[in-house]
């Protein structure tokens, strides 16, 4: 059984991102399957970055990439492997 990674991208105006295609290639090279969900905040004036990240963690996501305009606030959620601590 292949390991499945649940990942996504949080940002604004991300509908044309090529990240899923790149991640699919890398996952396939390592025998992994990918479930990728873009989370586009465009047009959502009430978008809550912190609540979204908390929900993704609670839902067991493996990771998420963050882009404009949320990069500056994303560091508060950063978790590094112990090798970098």
N, C-alpha and C. Protein backbone atom coordinates (compact mmCIF):
# COMPACT_ATOMS: atom_id res chain seq x y z
N UNK A 1 0.83 -1.19 0.00
CA UNK A 1 0.00 0.00 0.00
C UNK A 1 0.88 1.25 0.00
N UNK A 2 0.59 2.17 -0.90
CA UNK A 2 1.37 3.40 -1.00
C UNK A 2 0.98 4.37 0.12
N UNK A 3 1.98 5.10 0.60
CA UNK A 3 1.71 6.15 1.57
C UNK A 3 1.09 7.33 0.84
N UNK A 4 0.06 7.91 1.44
CA UNK A 4 -0.61 9.05 0.84
C UNK A 4 -0.27 10.30 1.64
N UNK A 5 0.14 11.34 0.93
CA UNK A 5 0.42 12.64 1.54
C UNK A 5 -0.74 13.58 1.26
N UNK A 6 -1.19 14.25 2.30
CA UNK A 6 -2.25 15.25 2.17
C UNK A 6 -1.61 16.60 2.37
N UNK A 7 -1.60 17.38 1.28
CA UNK A 7 -0.90 18.66 1.29
C UNK A 7 -1.71 19.71 0.56
N UNK A 8 -1.27 20.96 0.65
CA UNK A 8 -1.97 22.03 -0.03
C UNK A 8 -1.12 23.28 -0.13
N UNK A 9 -1.76 24.31 -0.61
CA UNK A 9 -1.15 25.62 -0.78
C UNK A 9 -2.15 26.66 -0.30
N UNK A 10 -1.70 27.55 0.59
CA UNK A 10 -2.53 28.66 1.05
C UNK A 10 -1.98 29.94 0.45
N UNK A 11 -2.86 30.72 -0.16
CA UNK A 11 -2.44 31.99 -0.73
C UNK A 11 -3.59 32.69 -1.41
N UNK A 12 -3.27 33.75 -2.11
CA UNK A 12 -4.27 34.53 -2.83
C UNK A 12 -3.93 34.49 -4.32
N UNK A 13 -4.95 34.27 -5.14
CA UNK A 13 -4.77 34.17 -6.59
C UNK A 13 -3.85 33.02 -6.97
N UNK A 14 -4.12 31.84 -6.47
CA UNK A 14 -3.25 30.68 -6.70
C UNK A 14 -3.83 29.67 -7.68
N UNK A 15 -4.88 30.03 -8.37
CA UNK A 15 -5.55 29.07 -9.24
C UNK A 15 -4.66 28.53 -10.36
N UNK A 16 -3.63 29.26 -10.72
CA UNK A 16 -2.76 28.82 -11.82
C UNK A 16 -1.45 28.19 -11.35
N UNK A 17 -1.37 27.87 -10.06
CA UNK A 17 -0.14 27.31 -9.53
C UNK A 17 0.22 25.99 -10.21
N UNK A 18 1.50 25.78 -10.40
CA UNK A 18 1.99 24.52 -10.96
C UNK A 18 2.56 23.61 -9.88
N UNK A 19 2.42 24.03 -8.64
CA UNK A 19 2.96 23.25 -7.53
C UNK A 19 2.41 21.83 -7.47
N UNK A 20 1.11 21.62 -7.67
CA UNK A 20 0.61 20.24 -7.61
C UNK A 20 1.29 19.31 -8.61
N UNK A 21 1.52 19.80 -9.80
CA UNK A 21 2.16 18.97 -10.84
C UNK A 21 3.59 18.60 -10.42
N UNK A 22 4.31 19.56 -9.87
CA UNK A 22 5.68 19.29 -9.42
C UNK A 22 5.69 18.30 -8.27
N UNK A 23 4.78 18.47 -7.33
CA UNK A 23 4.71 17.55 -6.19
C UNK A 23 4.30 16.14 -6.62
N UNK A 24 3.41 16.05 -7.61
CA UNK A 24 2.99 14.73 -8.13
C UNK A 24 4.19 13.98 -8.69
N UNK A 25 5.03 14.67 -9.43
CA UNK A 25 6.23 14.05 -10.01
C UNK A 25 7.15 13.55 -8.91
N UNK A 26 7.41 14.40 -7.91
CA UNK A 26 8.30 14.01 -6.82
C UNK A 26 7.72 12.85 -6.01
N UNK A 27 6.43 12.89 -5.76
CA UNK A 27 5.79 11.80 -5.01
C UNK A 27 5.88 10.48 -5.79
N UNK A 28 5.61 10.54 -7.07
CA UNK A 28 5.65 9.33 -7.90
C UNK A 28 7.05 8.71 -7.89
N UNK A 29 8.07 9.55 -7.89
CA UNK A 29 9.45 9.05 -7.86
C UNK A 29 9.77 8.30 -6.57
N UNK A 30 8.98 8.55 -5.54
CA UNK A 30 9.24 7.92 -4.24
C UNK A 30 8.12 6.98 -3.82
N UNK A 31 7.26 6.61 -4.76
CA UNK A 31 6.19 5.66 -4.48
C UNK A 31 5.10 6.20 -3.57
N UNK A 32 4.87 7.50 -3.60
CA UNK A 32 3.86 8.13 -2.77
C UNK A 32 2.71 8.62 -3.63
N UNK A 33 1.53 8.68 -3.05
CA UNK A 33 0.40 9.31 -3.73
C UNK A 33 0.14 10.65 -3.04
N UNK A 34 -0.40 11.57 -3.79
CA UNK A 34 -0.60 12.93 -3.29
C UNK A 34 -2.05 13.33 -3.38
N UNK A 35 -2.55 13.87 -2.29
CA UNK A 35 -3.84 14.54 -2.27
C UNK A 35 -3.53 16.02 -2.04
N UNK A 36 -3.78 16.86 -3.05
CA UNK A 36 -3.40 18.27 -3.00
C UNK A 36 -4.64 19.15 -3.09
N UNK A 37 -4.75 20.10 -2.17
CA UNK A 37 -5.88 21.02 -2.16
C UNK A 37 -5.38 22.45 -2.10
N UNK A 38 -5.68 23.26 -3.13
CA UNK A 38 -5.33 24.68 -3.04
C UNK A 38 -6.37 25.40 -2.17
N UNK A 39 -5.90 26.30 -1.32
CA UNK A 39 -6.78 27.08 -0.46
C UNK A 39 -6.56 28.54 -0.83
N UNK A 40 -7.45 29.05 -1.69
CA UNK A 40 -7.31 30.39 -2.25
C UNK A 40 -8.17 31.37 -1.45
N UNK A 41 -7.54 32.36 -0.87
CA UNK A 41 -8.26 33.33 -0.04
C UNK A 41 -8.83 34.49 -0.84
N UNK A 42 -8.58 34.52 -2.15
CA UNK A 42 -9.06 35.63 -2.96
C UNK A 42 -10.58 35.76 -2.82
N UNK A 43 -11.01 36.96 -2.51
CA UNK A 43 -12.44 37.24 -2.41
C UNK A 43 -13.05 36.85 -1.07
N UNK A 44 -12.27 36.26 -0.18
CA UNK A 44 -12.76 35.88 1.14
C UNK A 44 -12.23 36.88 2.17
N UNK A 45 -12.98 37.96 2.36
CA UNK A 45 -12.53 39.04 3.25
C UNK A 45 -12.39 38.56 4.69
N UNK A 46 -13.09 37.50 5.05
CA UNK A 46 -13.03 36.99 6.41
C UNK A 46 -12.06 35.83 6.58
N UNK A 47 -11.19 35.61 5.59
CA UNK A 47 -10.28 34.47 5.65
C UNK A 47 -9.41 34.57 6.90
N UNK A 48 -9.37 33.48 7.66
CA UNK A 48 -8.61 33.44 8.91
C UNK A 48 -7.48 32.43 8.75
N UNK A 49 -6.27 32.93 8.52
CA UNK A 49 -5.12 32.06 8.30
C UNK A 49 -4.89 31.13 9.47
N UNK A 50 -4.87 31.68 10.68
CA UNK A 50 -4.59 30.86 11.86
C UNK A 50 -5.62 29.76 12.05
N UNK A 51 -6.89 30.09 11.87
CA UNK A 51 -7.95 29.08 12.01
C UNK A 51 -7.83 28.01 10.93
N UNK A 52 -7.45 28.42 9.73
CA UNK A 52 -7.29 27.47 8.63
C UNK A 52 -6.16 26.49 8.93
N UNK A 53 -5.03 27.00 9.39
CA UNK A 53 -3.90 26.13 9.73
C UNK A 53 -4.28 25.19 10.87
N UNK A 54 -4.97 25.70 11.87
CA UNK A 54 -5.41 24.86 13.00
C UNK A 54 -6.32 23.73 12.51
N UNK A 55 -7.20 24.04 11.56
CA UNK A 55 -8.09 23.01 11.01
C UNK A 55 -7.31 21.96 10.23
N UNK A 56 -6.33 22.38 9.45
CA UNK A 56 -5.53 21.45 8.67
C UNK A 56 -4.74 20.51 9.59
N UNK A 57 -4.19 21.07 10.66
CA UNK A 57 -3.48 20.25 11.64
C UNK A 57 -4.44 19.25 12.28
N UNK A 58 -5.60 19.73 12.70
CA UNK A 58 -6.60 18.85 13.34
C UNK A 58 -7.07 17.76 12.39
N UNK A 59 -7.12 18.09 11.10
CA UNK A 59 -7.57 17.11 10.10
C UNK A 59 -6.46 16.15 9.68
N UNK A 60 -5.25 16.35 10.22
CA UNK A 60 -4.17 15.41 9.96
C UNK A 60 -3.40 15.63 8.67
N UNK A 61 -3.45 16.84 8.12
CA UNK A 61 -2.69 17.12 6.91
C UNK A 61 -1.20 16.92 7.18
N UNK A 62 -0.47 16.51 6.14
CA UNK A 62 0.97 16.30 6.26
C UNK A 62 1.76 17.58 6.10
N UNK A 63 1.22 18.54 5.37
CA UNK A 63 1.94 19.79 5.18
C UNK A 63 1.18 20.74 4.29
N UNK A 64 1.61 21.97 4.31
CA UNK A 64 1.01 23.00 3.47
C UNK A 64 2.09 24.02 3.12
N UNK A 65 2.03 24.50 1.91
CA UNK A 65 2.93 25.55 1.45
C UNK A 65 2.17 26.87 1.54
N UNK A 66 2.89 27.92 1.86
CA UNK A 66 2.24 29.23 2.05
C UNK A 66 2.88 30.23 1.12
N UNK A 67 2.05 31.05 0.49
CA UNK A 67 2.54 32.09 -0.39
C UNK A 67 1.82 33.40 -0.07
N UNK A 68 2.01 34.39 -0.91
CA UNK A 68 1.45 35.73 -0.72
C UNK A 68 -0.04 35.67 -0.44
N UNK A 69 -0.56 36.39 0.47
CA UNK A 69 0.07 37.39 1.35
C UNK A 69 0.36 36.86 2.76
N UNK A 70 0.40 35.55 2.92
CA UNK A 70 0.48 34.97 4.26
C UNK A 70 1.87 34.56 4.73
N UNK A 71 2.88 34.70 3.89
CA UNK A 71 4.23 34.30 4.29
C UNK A 71 4.69 34.96 5.60
N UNK A 72 4.49 36.26 5.78
CA UNK A 72 4.99 36.89 7.01
C UNK A 72 4.38 36.32 8.30
N UNK A 73 3.14 35.86 8.25
CA UNK A 73 2.51 35.34 9.47
C UNK A 73 2.68 33.83 9.62
N UNK A 74 3.14 33.18 8.58
CA UNK A 74 3.20 31.72 8.61
C UNK A 74 4.28 31.18 9.54
N UNK A 75 5.31 31.96 9.82
CA UNK A 75 6.41 31.45 10.65
C UNK A 75 5.94 31.03 12.04
N UNK A 76 4.85 31.60 12.52
CA UNK A 76 4.36 31.23 13.86
C UNK A 76 3.87 29.79 13.91
N UNK A 77 3.64 29.19 12.76
CA UNK A 77 3.16 27.81 12.68
C UNK A 77 4.24 26.84 12.24
N UNK A 78 5.44 27.34 12.04
CA UNK A 78 6.54 26.54 11.52
C UNK A 78 6.97 25.47 12.50
N UNK A 79 7.07 24.25 12.01
CA UNK A 79 7.58 23.14 12.81
C UNK A 79 8.74 22.54 12.06
N UNK A 80 9.92 22.54 12.67
CA UNK A 80 11.11 21.99 12.05
C UNK A 80 11.45 20.64 12.65
N UNK A 81 12.01 19.76 11.86
CA UNK A 81 12.48 18.48 12.43
C UNK A 81 13.52 18.76 13.52
N UNK A 82 13.68 17.86 14.45
CA UNK A 82 14.60 18.09 15.57
C UNK A 82 16.04 18.30 15.11
N UNK A 83 16.39 17.81 13.94
CA UNK A 83 17.74 18.00 13.43
C UNK A 83 18.07 19.49 13.26
N UNK A 84 17.05 20.32 13.03
CA UNK A 84 17.26 21.75 12.83
C UNK A 84 17.01 22.57 14.08
N UNK A 85 16.55 21.96 15.13
CA UNK A 85 16.21 22.71 16.34
C UNK A 85 17.44 23.05 17.15
